[in-house]
Amino acid sequence: MYRMGLFLNQVINGLHVGSIYALIALGYTMVYGIVRLINFAHGDILMVGAYAAVVLIATLGLPLPVSIICIIAICVVFGVVIERVAYKPLRSSPRISSLITAIGVSMLLQNLALIIFSPTPKPYPIVIQVKPFMIGSLQIGFTTTLTIVVCLLLMIGLQLFVAKTRAGKSMRAVSEDMGAAQLMGINVNTTITMTFAIGCALAGIGSILYGLAYPSVSPTLGSLPGLKAFIAAVLGGIGIIPGAMLGGFIMGIAESLTKAYISSRLSDAVVYGILIIVLLVKPSGILGKGQREKV
């Protein structure tokens, strides 16, 4: 009974961490699905949101609801500006140019944070003190429950938005054929900007949930979660919204179980090993569909 309780606790912890990876992965997968760009600066938007919380709450003393709205808005503004300044001019260039630019933007954001806030980690200012829920011998923290529920609701909402709304249909059309979508009267620039805005809004929400779980803010905060979220997107099938969620959950659970039963030092190795195995068996990811290209 004790072993089963320990196992279930680790699975829940994995779902908690995996939900954060999934939120960030949704931003990766949306942008890739539209413009075939791997936005490696996306993880650093998480860091921008965390520092925004430090400034708005700890420094300016704004109320929590106002601060949350401002954090999301700041992440959206950063994402839209990055898309317009760094990525839009390279839209017709080879993909490698956009990829190198994304890495450069990531380094720029990290170094700006280093200059402005110093390398010393700062405590995350949002703290939620609620007693954990008890289901028999199983203990589930409020933050864990909040993160998983918010992640699932956002994934469902995003899937409905893409499938049912006019803006979502425009995004799918641009994803299928940008030239044809433009001929049909769809504003491609607006659609791409909206995609970046939605992805960065999700990163802003992810920064809040990540800060609740790991209450320390530093300039390199978004590097590792961003990398793991990218791996989650590839694992589930990049460009597919449920795939990002599935990949995040698999990574989180694998990481948690490895730390509990094998070694905390090997958690990343096991996660990357799962990715390699999945890609060897199915290169397009778990939910991805193989595509044929003419050569």
C-alpha atoms as a PDB file:
ATOM      1  CA  MET A   1       0.000   0.000   0.000  1.00  0.00           C
ATOM      2  CA  TYR A   2       2.847   2.391   0.861  1.00  0.00           C
ATOM      3  CA  ARG A   3       4.580   1.653  -2.446  1.00  0.00           C
ATOM      4  CA  MET A   4       1.385   2.286  -4.382  1.00  0.00           C
ATOM      5  CA  GLY A   5       0.868   5.606  -2.561  1.00  0.00           C
ATOM      6  CA  LEU A   6       4.464   6.624  -3.337  1.00  0.00           C
ATOM      7  CA  PHE A   7       4.019   5.674  -6.991  1.00  0.00           C
ATOM      8  CA  LEU A   8       0.779   7.667  -7.331  1.00  0.00           C
ATOM      9  CA  ASN A   9       2.377  10.687  -5.632  1.00  0.00           C
ATOM     10  CA  GLN A  10       5.234  10.572  -8.112  1.00  0.00           C
ATOM     11  CA  VAL A  11       2.807  10.302 -11.036  1.00  0.00           C
ATOM     12  CA  ILE A  12       0.908  13.357  -9.755  1.00  0.00           C
ATOM     13  CA  ASN A  13       4.176  15.251  -9.312  1.00  0.00           C
ATOM     14  CA  GLY A  14       5.059  14.278 -12.864  1.00  0.00           C
ATOM     15  CA  LEU A  15       1.718  15.564 -14.153  1.00  0.00           C
ATOM     16  CA  HIS A  16       2.385  18.826 -12.314  1.00  0.00           C
ATOM     17  CA  VAL A  17       5.782  19.364 -13.940  1.00  0.00           C
ATOM     18  CA  GLY A  18       4.541  17.960 -17.232  1.00  0.00           C
ATOM     19  CA  SER A  19       1.658  20.449 -17.297  1.00  0.00           C
ATOM     20  CA  ILE A  20       4.139  23.332 -17.191  1.00  0.00           C
ATOM     21  CA  TYR A  21       6.193  21.751 -19.983  1.00  0.00           C
ATOM     22  CA  ALA A  22       2.982  21.267 -21.960  1.00  0.00           C
ATOM     23  CA  LEU A  23       1.956  24.921 -21.587  1.00  0.00           C
ATOM     24  CA  ILE A  24       5.290  26.089 -22.958  1.00  0.00           C
ATOM     25  CA  ALA A  25       5.228  23.362 -25.627  1.00  0.00           C
ATOM     26  CA  LEU A  26       1.863  24.655 -26.873  1.00  0.00           C
ATOM     27  CA  GLY A  27       3.593  27.907 -27.818  1.00  0.00           C
ATOM     28  CA  TYR A  28       6.340  26.022 -29.663  1.00  0.00           C
ATOM     29  CA  THR A  29       3.898  23.806 -31.515  1.00  0.00           C
ATOM     30  CA  MET A  30       1.572  26.650 -32.560  1.00  0.00           C
ATOM     31  CA  VAL A  31       4.375  28.761 -34.017  1.00  0.00           C
ATOM     32  CA  TYR A  32       5.948  25.787 -35.772  1.00  0.00           C
ATOM     33  CA  GLY A  33       2.580  24.716 -37.140  1.00  0.00           C
ATOM     34  CA  ILE A  34       2.056  28.121 -38.787  1.00  0.00           C
ATOM     35  CA  VAL A  35       5.480  29.349 -39.949  1.00  0.00           C
ATOM     36  CA  ARG A  36       7.671  26.239 -39.507  1.00  0.00           C
ATOM     37  CA  LEU A  37       9.860  28.159 -37.069  1.00  0.00           C
ATOM     38  CA  ILE A  38      11.393  26.686 -33.932  1.00  0.00           C
ATOM     39  CA  ASN A  39      11.288  29.718 -31.658  1.00  0.00           C
ATOM     40  CA  PHE A  40      14.098  28.961 -29.211  1.00  0.00           C
ATOM     41  CA  ALA A  41      13.463  32.330 -27.537  1.00  0.00           C
ATOM     42  CA  HIS A  42      10.079  31.061 -26.368  1.00  0.00           C
ATOM     43  CA  GLY A  43      11.468  29.643 -23.122  1.00  0.00           C
ATOM     44  CA  ASP A  44      12.932  33.047 -22.294  1.00  0.00           C
ATOM     45  CA  ILE A  45       9.453  34.592 -22.456  1.00  0.00           C
ATOM     46  CA  LEU A  46       8.876  32.467 -19.346  1.00  0.00           C
ATOM     47  CA  MET A  47      11.783  34.297 -17.715  1.00  0.00           C
ATOM     48  CA  VAL A  48      10.358  37.673 -18.811  1.00  0.00           C
ATOM     49  CA  GLY A  49       7.045  36.795 -17.159  1.00  0.00           C
ATOM     50  CA  ALA A  50       8.795  35.766 -13.935  1.00  0.00           C
ATOM     51  CA  TYR A  51      10.762  39.031 -13.721  1.00  0.00           C
ATOM     52  CA  ALA A  52       7.584  40.957 -14.558  1.00  0.00           C
ATOM     53  CA  ALA A  53       6.002  39.365 -11.470  1.00  0.00           C
ATOM     54  CA  VAL A  54       8.997  40.434  -9.346  1.00  0.00           C
ATOM     55  CA  VAL A  55       8.750  44.044 -10.553  1.00  0.00           C
ATOM     56  CA  LEU A  56       4.957  44.359 -10.448  1.00  0.00           C
ATOM     57  CA  ILE A  57       4.326  42.644  -7.112  1.00  0.00           C
ATOM     58  CA  ALA A  58       7.527  42.914  -5.058  1.00  0.00           C
ATOM     59  CA  THR A  59       8.627  46.360  -6.282  1.00  0.00           C
ATOM     60  CA  LEU A  60       5.456  48.202  -7.304  1.00  0.00           C
ATOM     61  CA  GLY A  61       3.095  46.397  -4.940  1.00  0.00           C
ATOM     62  CA  LEU A  62       0.267  45.893  -7.442  1.00  0.00           C
ATOM     63  CA  PRO A  63      -2.653  43.623  -6.477  1.00  0.00           C
ATOM     64  CA  LEU A  64      -2.345  39.989  -7.581  1.00  0.00           C
ATOM     65  CA  PRO A  65      -5.225  39.946 -10.148  1.00  0.00           C
ATOM     66  CA  VAL A  66      -3.920  43.132 -11.825  1.00  0.00           C
ATOM     67  CA  SER A  67      -0.368  41.763 -11.783  1.00  0.00           C
ATOM     68  CA  ILE A  68      -1.413  38.477 -13.444  1.00  0.00           C
ATOM     69  CA  ILE A  69      -3.116  40.359 -16.287  1.00  0.00           C
ATOM     70  CA  CYS A  70      -0.073  42.618 -16.679  1.00  0.00           C
ATOM     71  CA  ILE A  71       2.335  39.653 -16.678  1.00  0.00           C
ATOM     72  CA  ILE A  72       0.431  37.991 -19.523  1.00  0.00           C
ATOM     73  CA  ALA A  73       0.197  41.303 -21.414  1.00  0.00           C
ATOM     74  CA  ILE A  74       3.958  41.944 -21.054  1.00  0.00           C
ATOM     75  CA  CYS A  75       4.758  38.456 -22.398  1.00  0.00           C
ATOM     76  CA  VAL A  76       2.408  39.029 -25.343  1.00  0.00           C
ATOM     77  CA  VAL A  77       4.031  42.397 -26.146  1.00  0.00           C
ATOM     78  CA  PHE A  78       7.511  40.866 -26.023  1.00  0.00           C
ATOM     79  CA  GLY A  79       6.420  38.020 -28.302  1.00  0.00           C
ATOM     80  CA  VAL A  80       4.766  40.290 -30.864  1.00  0.00           C
ATOM     81  CA  VAL A  81       7.740  42.695 -30.938  1.00  0.00           C
ATOM     82  CA  ILE A  82      10.195  39.803 -31.369  1.00  0.00           C
ATOM     83  CA  GLU A  83       8.102  38.401 -34.225  1.00  0.00           C
ATOM     84  CA  ARG A  84       7.857  41.752 -36.018  1.00  0.00           C
ATOM     85  CA  VAL A  85      11.479  42.828 -35.529  1.00  0.00           C
ATOM     86  CA  ALA A  86      13.435  39.554 -35.659  1.00  0.00           C
ATOM     87  CA  TYR A  87      11.370  36.943 -37.526  1.00  0.00           C
ATOM     88  CA  LYS A  88       9.139  38.758 -40.020  1.00  0.00           C
ATOM     89  CA  PRO A  89      12.029  40.130 -42.156  1.00  0.00           C
ATOM     90  CA  LEU A  90      13.397  36.572 -42.472  1.00  0.00           C
ATOM     91  CA  ARG A  91      10.129  34.892 -43.406  1.00  0.00           C
ATOM     92  CA  SER A  92      11.223  34.178 -46.986  1.00  0.00           C
ATOM     93  CA  SER A  93      14.817  33.334 -46.005  1.00  0.00           C
ATOM     94  CA  PRO A  94      16.164  29.800 -45.438  1.00  0.00           C
ATOM     95  CA  ARG A  95      14.965  28.228 -42.185  1.00  0.00           C
ATOM     96  CA  ILE A  96      18.484  28.128 -40.791  1.00  0.00           C
ATOM     97  CA  SER A  97      18.518  31.964 -40.773  1.00  0.00           C
ATOM     98  CA  SER A  98      15.393  32.096 -38.600  1.00  0.00           C
ATOM     99  CA  LEU A  99      16.767  29.372 -36.340  1.00  0.00           C
ATOM    100  CA  ILE A 100      20.023  31.262 -35.746  1.00  0.00           C
ATOM    101  CA  THR A 101      18.044  34.452 -35.136  1.00  0.00           C
ATOM    102  CA  ALA A 102      15.887  32.659 -32.552  1.00  0.00           C
ATOM    103  CA  ILE A 103      19.004  31.539 -30.672  1.00  0.00           C
ATOM    104  CA  GLY A 104      20.357  35.099 -30.862  1.00  0.00           C
ATOM    105  CA  VAL A 105      17.108  36.555 -29.476  1.00  0.00           C
ATOM    106  CA  SER A 106      17.239  34.029 -26.632  1.00  0.00           C
ATOM    107  CA  MET A 107      20.791  35.084 -25.716  1.00  0.00           C
ATOM    108  CA  LEU A 108      19.814  38.754 -26.004  1.00  0.00           C
ATOM    109  CA  LEU A 109      16.926  38.370 -23.560  1.00  0.00           C
ATOM    110  CA  GLN A 110      19.076  36.457 -21.078  1.00  0.00           C
ATOM    111  CA  ASN A 111      21.872  39.021 -21.181  1.00  0.00           C
ATOM    112  CA  LEU A 112      19.458  41.936 -20.855  1.00  0.00           C
ATOM    113  CA  ALA A 113      18.000  40.294 -17.736  1.00  0.00           C
ATOM    114  CA  LEU A 114      21.544  39.724 -16.463  1.00  0.00           C
ATOM    115  CA  ILE A 115      22.389  43.427 -16.882  1.00  0.00           C
ATOM    116  CA  ILE A 116      19.119  44.780 -15.487  1.00  0.00           C
ATOM    117  CA  PHE A 117      18.494  42.390 -12.590  1.00  0.00           C
ATOM    118  CA  SER A 118      22.011  40.938 -11.913  1.00  0.00           C
ATOM    119  CA  PRO A 119      22.766  37.202 -11.851  1.00  0.00           C
ATOM    120  CA  THR A 120      21.631  36.857  -8.212  1.00  0.00           C
ATOM    121  CA  PRO A 121      18.391  34.821  -8.057  1.00  0.00           C
ATOM    122  CA  LYS A 122      15.366  36.669  -6.685  1.00  0.00           C
ATOM    123  CA  PRO A 123      12.483  35.096  -4.739  1.00  0.00           C
ATOM    124  CA  TYR A 124       9.270  34.680  -6.694  1.00  0.00           C
ATOM    125  CA  PRO A 125       6.693  37.014  -5.105  1.00  0.00           C
ATOM    126  CA  ILE A 126       3.484  35.004  -5.634  1.00  0.00           C
ATOM    127  CA  VAL A 127       2.860  32.552  -2.807  1.00  0.00           C
ATOM    128  CA  ILE A 128      -0.303  30.464  -2.394  1.00  0.00           C
ATOM    129  CA  GLN A 129      -0.759  28.857   1.005  1.00  0.00           C
ATOM    130  CA  VAL A 130      -3.606  26.367   0.834  1.00  0.00           C
ATOM    131  CA  LYS A 131      -3.728  23.041   2.615  1.00  0.00           C
ATOM    132  CA  PRO A 132      -3.199  20.032   0.324  1.00  0.00           C
ATOM    133  CA  PHE A 133      -6.104  17.794  -0.558  1.00  0.00           C
ATOM    134  CA  MET A 134      -6.182  14.322   0.959  1.00  0.00           C
ATOM    135  CA  ILE A 135      -7.653  11.365  -0.946  1.00  0.00           C
ATOM    136  CA  GLY A 136      -7.089   8.442   1.395  1.00  0.00           C
ATOM    137  CA  SER A 137      -3.329   8.340   1.919  1.00  0.00           C
ATOM    138  CA  LEU A 138      -2.744  10.343  -1.236  1.00  0.00           C
ATOM    139  CA  GLN A 139      -1.746  13.984  -0.727  1.00  0.00           C
ATOM    140  CA  ILE A 140      -2.285  16.435  -3.594  1.00  0.00           C
ATOM    141  CA  GLY A 141      -1.043  20.014  -3.244  1.00  0.00           C
ATOM    142  CA  PHE A 142      -3.262  22.914  -4.275  1.00  0.00           C
ATOM    143  CA  THR A 143      -0.612  24.276  -6.649  1.00  0.00           C
ATOM    144  CA  THR A 144      -0.378  20.863  -8.326  1.00  0.00           C
ATOM    145  CA  THR A 145      -4.140  20.694  -8.786  1.00  0.00           C
ATOM    146  CA  LEU A 146      -4.298  24.284 -10.040  1.00  0.00           C
ATOM    147  CA  THR A 147      -1.512  23.718 -12.585  1.00  0.00           C
ATOM    148  CA  ILE A 148      -2.998  20.516 -14.018  1.00  0.00           C
ATOM    149  CA  VAL A 149      -6.545  21.936 -14.227  1.00  0.00           C
ATOM    150  CA  VAL A 150      -5.415  25.226 -15.822  1.00  0.00           C
ATOM    151  CA  CYS A 151      -3.270  23.337 -18.337  1.00  0.00           C
ATOM    152  CA  LEU A 152      -6.099  21.000 -19.370  1.00  0.00           C
ATOM    153  CA  LEU A 153      -8.604  23.850 -19.676  1.00  0.00           C
ATOM    154  CA  LEU A 154      -6.217  25.917 -21.799  1.00  0.00           C
ATOM    155  CA  MET A 155      -5.468  22.970 -24.076  1.00  0.00           C
ATOM    156  CA  ILE A 156      -9.177  22.248 -24.592  1.00  0.00           C
ATOM    157  CA  GLY A 157      -9.929  25.948 -25.120  1.00  0.00           C
ATOM    158  CA  LEU A 158      -7.092  26.309 -27.606  1.00  0.00           C
ATOM    159  CA  GLN A 159      -8.167  23.221 -29.532  1.00  0.00           C
ATOM    160  CA  LEU A 160     -11.747  24.559 -29.751  1.00  0.00           C
ATOM    161  CA  PHE A 161     -10.465  27.993 -30.766  1.00  0.00           C
ATOM    162  CA  VAL A 162      -8.419  26.562 -33.643  1.00  0.00           C
ATOM    163  CA  ALA A 163     -11.199  24.216 -34.779  1.00  0.00           C
ATOM    164  CA  LYS A 164     -14.312  26.388 -34.385  1.00  0.00           C
ATOM    165  CA  THR A 165     -13.491  30.092 -34.670  1.00  0.00           C
ATOM    166  CA  ARG A 166     -12.856  32.121 -37.816  1.00  0.00           C
ATOM    167  CA  ALA A 167      -9.413  33.179 -36.544  1.00  0.00           C
ATOM    168  CA  GLY A 168      -8.565  29.550 -35.822  1.00  0.00           C
ATOM    169  CA  LYS A 169      -9.595  28.504 -39.325  1.00  0.00           C
ATOM    170  CA  SER A 170      -7.375  31.259 -40.699  1.00  0.00           C
ATOM    171  CA  MET A 171      -4.487  29.832 -38.686  1.00  0.00           C
ATOM    172  CA  ARG A 172      -5.120  26.369 -40.123  1.00  0.00           C
ATOM    173  CA  ALA A 173      -5.324  27.773 -43.638  1.00  0.00           C
ATOM    174  CA  VAL A 174      -2.009  29.622 -43.271  1.00  0.00           C
ATOM    175  CA  SER A 175      -0.482  26.465 -41.843  1.00  0.00           C
ATOM    176  CA  GLU A 176      -1.600  24.409 -44.863  1.00  0.00           C
ATOM    177  CA  ASP A 177      -0.595  26.871 -47.598  1.00  0.00           C
ATOM    178  CA  MET A 178       0.440  30.439 -46.831  1.00  0.00           C
ATOM    179  CA  GLY A 179       0.271  31.566 -50.464  1.00  0.00           C
ATOM    180  CA  ALA A 180      -3.186  30.108 -51.080  1.00  0.00           C
ATOM    181  CA  ALA A 181      -4.476  31.566 -47.805  1.00  0.00           C
ATOM    182  CA  GLN A 182      -3.281  35.011 -48.874  1.00  0.00           C
ATOM    183  CA  LEU A 183      -5.063  34.643 -52.226  1.00  0.00           C
ATOM    184  CA  MET A 184      -8.269  33.764 -50.347  1.00  0.00           C
ATOM    185  CA  GLY A 185      -8.140  37.107 -48.522  1.00  0.00           C
ATOM    186  CA  ILE A 186      -6.605  35.976 -45.236  1.00  0.00           C
ATOM    187  CA  ASN A 187      -4.259  38.500 -43.661  1.00  0.00           C
ATOM    188  CA  VAL A 188      -1.207  36.296 -43.176  1.00  0.00           C
ATOM    189  CA  ASN A 189       0.773  38.853 -41.147  1.00  0.00           C
ATOM    190  CA  THR A 190      -2.092  39.343 -38.679  1.00  0.00           C
ATOM    191  CA  THR A 191      -2.598  35.591 -38.354  1.00  0.00           C
ATOM    192  CA  ILE A 192       1.085  34.947 -37.629  1.00  0.00           C
ATOM    193  CA  THR A 193       1.211  37.804 -35.110  1.00  0.00           C
ATOM    194  CA  MET A 194      -1.901  36.416 -33.400  1.00  0.00           C
ATOM    195  CA  THR A 195      -0.247  32.992 -33.198  1.00  0.00           C
ATOM    196  CA  PHE A 196       2.829  34.478 -31.509  1.00  0.00           C
ATOM    197  CA  ALA A 197       0.579  36.465 -29.150  1.00  0.00           C
ATOM    198  CA  ILE A 198      -1.381  33.372 -28.081  1.00  0.00           C
ATOM    199  CA  GLY A 199       1.797  31.332 -27.622  1.00  0.00           C
ATOM    200  CA  CYS A 200       3.398  34.051 -25.477  1.00  0.00           C
ATOM    201  CA  ALA A 201       0.210  34.457 -23.423  1.00  0.00           C
ATOM    202  CA  LEU A 202       0.450  30.744 -22.626  1.00  0.00           C
ATOM    203  CA  ALA A 203       4.120  31.243 -21.686  1.00  0.00           C
ATOM    204  CA  GLY A 204       3.045  34.086 -19.375  1.00  0.00           C
ATOM    205  CA  ILE A 205       0.566  31.805 -17.628  1.00  0.00           C
ATOM    206  CA  GLY A 206       3.253  29.127 -17.533  1.00  0.00           C
ATOM    207  CA  SER A 207       5.670  31.562 -15.857  1.00  0.00           C
ATOM    208  CA  ILE A 208       3.177  32.089 -13.024  1.00  0.00           C
ATOM    209  CA  LEU A 209       2.634  28.362 -12.503  1.00  0.00           C
ATOM    210  CA  TYR A 210       6.362  27.627 -12.794  1.00  0.00           C
ATOM    211  CA  GLY A 211       7.139  30.335 -10.233  1.00  0.00           C
ATOM    212  CA  LEU A 212       4.663  28.783  -7.800  1.00  0.00           C
ATOM    213  CA  ALA A 213       6.435  25.433  -8.135  1.00  0.00           C
ATOM    214  CA  TYR A 214      10.035  26.754  -8.242  1.00  0.00           C
ATOM    215  CA  PRO A 215      10.044  30.150  -6.467  1.00  0.00           C
ATOM    216  CA  SER A 216      13.394  31.487  -7.659  1.00  0.00           C
ATOM    217  CA  VAL A 217      13.915  33.855 -10.595  1.00  0.00           C
ATOM    218  CA  SER A 218      17.186  34.135 -12.535  1.00  0.00           C
ATOM    219  CA  PRO A 219      18.202  35.233 -16.072  1.00  0.00           C
ATOM    220  CA  THR A 220      18.563  31.622 -17.229  1.00  0.00           C
ATOM    221  CA  LEU A 221      15.237  30.568 -15.725  1.00  0.00           C
ATOM    222  CA  GLY A 222      13.623  29.715 -19.063  1.00  0.00           C
ATOM    223  CA  SER A 223      16.496  27.812 -20.680  1.00  0.00           C
ATOM    224  CA  LEU A 224      15.940  24.311 -19.290  1.00  0.00           C
ATOM    225  CA  PRO A 225      12.096  24.406 -19.189  1.00  0.00           C
ATOM    226  CA  GLY A 226      12.149  25.820 -22.719  1.00  0.00           C
ATOM    227  CA  LEU A 227      14.403  23.030 -23.956  1.00  0.00           C
ATOM    228  CA  LYS A 228      12.302  20.350 -22.273  1.00  0.00           C
ATOM    229  CA  ALA A 229       9.103  21.906 -23.612  1.00  0.00           C
ATOM    230  CA  PHE A 230      10.566  21.796 -27.121  1.00  0.00           C
ATOM    231  CA  ILE A 231      11.412  18.126 -26.608  1.00  0.00           C
ATOM    232  CA  ALA A 232       7.851  17.552 -25.344  1.00  0.00           C
ATOM    233  CA  ALA A 233       6.457  19.164 -28.497  1.00  0.00           C
ATOM    234  CA  VAL A 234       8.656  16.967 -30.721  1.00  0.00           C
ATOM    235  CA  LEU A 235       7.825  13.871 -28.662  1.00  0.00           C
ATOM    236  CA  GLY A 236       4.073  14.358 -28.973  1.00  0.00           C
ATOM    237  CA  GLY A 237       4.211  15.553 -32.579  1.00  0.00           C
ATOM    238  CA  ILE A 238       5.230  19.155 -33.186  1.00  0.00           C
ATOM    239  CA  GLY A 239       2.492  21.219 -34.780  1.00  0.00           C
ATOM    240  CA  ILE A 240      -0.250  19.200 -33.040  1.00  0.00           C
ATOM    241  CA  ILE A 241      -1.878  20.757 -29.959  1.00  0.00           C
ATOM    242  CA  PRO A 242      -2.854  17.507 -28.141  1.00  0.00           C
ATOM    243  CA  GLY A 243       0.611  16.185 -28.993  1.00  0.00           C
ATOM    244  CA  ALA A 244       2.250  19.004 -27.009  1.00  0.00           C
ATOM    245  CA  MET A 245       0.083  18.125 -24.013  1.00  0.00           C
ATOM    246  CA  LEU A 246       0.789  14.396 -24.311  1.00  0.00           C
ATOM    247  CA  GLY A 247       4.519  14.964 -24.724  1.00  0.00           C
ATOM    248  CA  GLY A 248       4.617  17.242 -21.683  1.00  0.00           C
ATOM    249  CA  PHE A 249       2.828  14.696 -19.509  1.00  0.00           C
ATOM    250  CA  ILE A 250       5.073  11.834 -20.654  1.00  0.00           C
ATOM    251  CA  MET A 251       8.203  13.871 -19.963  1.00  0.00           C
ATOM    252  CA  GLY A 252       7.007  15.027 -16.553  1.00  0.00           C
ATOM    253  CA  ILE A 253       6.010  11.541 -15.389  1.00  0.00           C
ATOM    254  CA  ALA A 254       9.198   9.939 -16.738  1.00  0.00           C
ATOM    255  CA  GLU A 255      11.307  12.596 -15.011  1.00  0.00           C
ATOM    256  CA  SER A 256       9.471  12.212 -11.694  1.00  0.00           C
ATOM    257  CA  LEU A 257       9.592   8.398 -11.661  1.00  0.00           C
ATOM    258  CA  THR A 258      13.283   8.385 -12.595  1.00  0.00           C
ATOM    259  CA  LYS A 259      14.120  10.729  -9.723  1.00  0.00           C
ATOM    260  CA  ALA A 260      12.107   8.591  -7.279  1.00  0.00           C
ATOM    261  CA  TYR A 261      13.208   5.089  -8.306  1.00  0.00           C
ATOM    262  CA  ILE A 262      16.517   5.383 -10.169  1.00  0.00           C
ATOM    263  CA  SER A 263      18.539   8.570  -9.688  1.00  0.00           C
ATOM    264  CA  SER A 264      17.899  12.296  -9.902  1.00  0.00           C
ATOM    265  CA  ARG A 265      21.088  12.613 -11.945  1.00  0.00           C
ATOM    266  CA  LEU A 266      19.705  10.318 -14.640  1.00  0.00           C
ATOM    267  CA  SER A 267      16.293  11.972 -15.022  1.00  0.00           C
ATOM    268  CA  ASP A 268      17.283  14.068 -18.041  1.00  0.00           C
ATOM    269  CA  ALA A 269      19.079  11.128 -19.656  1.00  0.00           C
ATOM    270  CA  VAL A 270      15.979   8.924 -19.356  1.00  0.00           C
ATOM    271  CA  VAL A 271      13.763  11.654 -20.829  1.00  0.00           C
ATOM    272  CA  TYR A 272      16.092  12.169 -23.796  1.00  0.00           C
ATOM    273  CA  GLY A 273      16.352   8.399 -24.204  1.00  0.00           C
ATOM    274  CA  ILE A 274      12.553   8.148 -24.490  1.00  0.00           C
ATOM    275  CA  LEU A 275      12.630  10.881 -27.130  1.00  0.00           C
ATOM    276  CA  ILE A 276      15.294   9.034 -29.135  1.00  0.00           C
ATOM    277  CA  ILE A 277      13.363   5.748 -28.988  1.00  0.00           C
ATOM    278  CA  VAL A 278      10.090   7.388 -30.061  1.00  0.00           C
ATOM    279  CA  LEU A 279      11.758   9.231 -32.940  1.00  0.00           C
ATOM    280  CA  LEU A 280      13.480   6.046 -34.105  1.00  0.00           C
ATOM    281  CA  VAL A 281      10.134   4.254 -34.184  1.00  0.00           C
ATOM    282  CA  LYS A 282       8.026   7.214 -35.339  1.00  0.00           C
ATOM    283  CA  PRO A 283      10.040  10.260 -36.484  1.00  0.00           C
ATOM    284  CA  SER A 284       6.955  12.502 -36.659  1.00  0.00           C
ATOM    285  CA  GLY A 285       6.199  12.021 -32.940  1.00  0.00           C
ATOM    286  CA  ILE A 286       3.523  10.023 -31.134  1.00  0.00           C
ATOM    287  CA  LEU A 287       0.527  11.837 -32.656  1.00  0.00           C
ATOM    288  CA  GLY A 288       2.338  13.162 -35.728  1.00  0.00           C
ATOM    289  CA  LYS A 289       1.536  12.121 -39.258  1.00  0.00           C
ATOM    290  CA  GLY A 290       4.231  11.277 -41.769  1.00  0.00           C
ATOM    291  CA  GLN A 291       4.515  13.727 -44.658  1.00  0.00           C
ATOM    292  CA  ARG A 292       5.913  13.009 -48.095  1.00  0.00           C
ATOM    293  CA  GLU A 293       8.047  15.619 -49.768  1.00  0.00           C
ATOM    294  CA  LYS A 294       8.909  15.804 -53.439  1.00  0.00           C
ATOM    295  CA  VAL A 295      12.616  15.985 -54.196  1.00  0.00           C
END
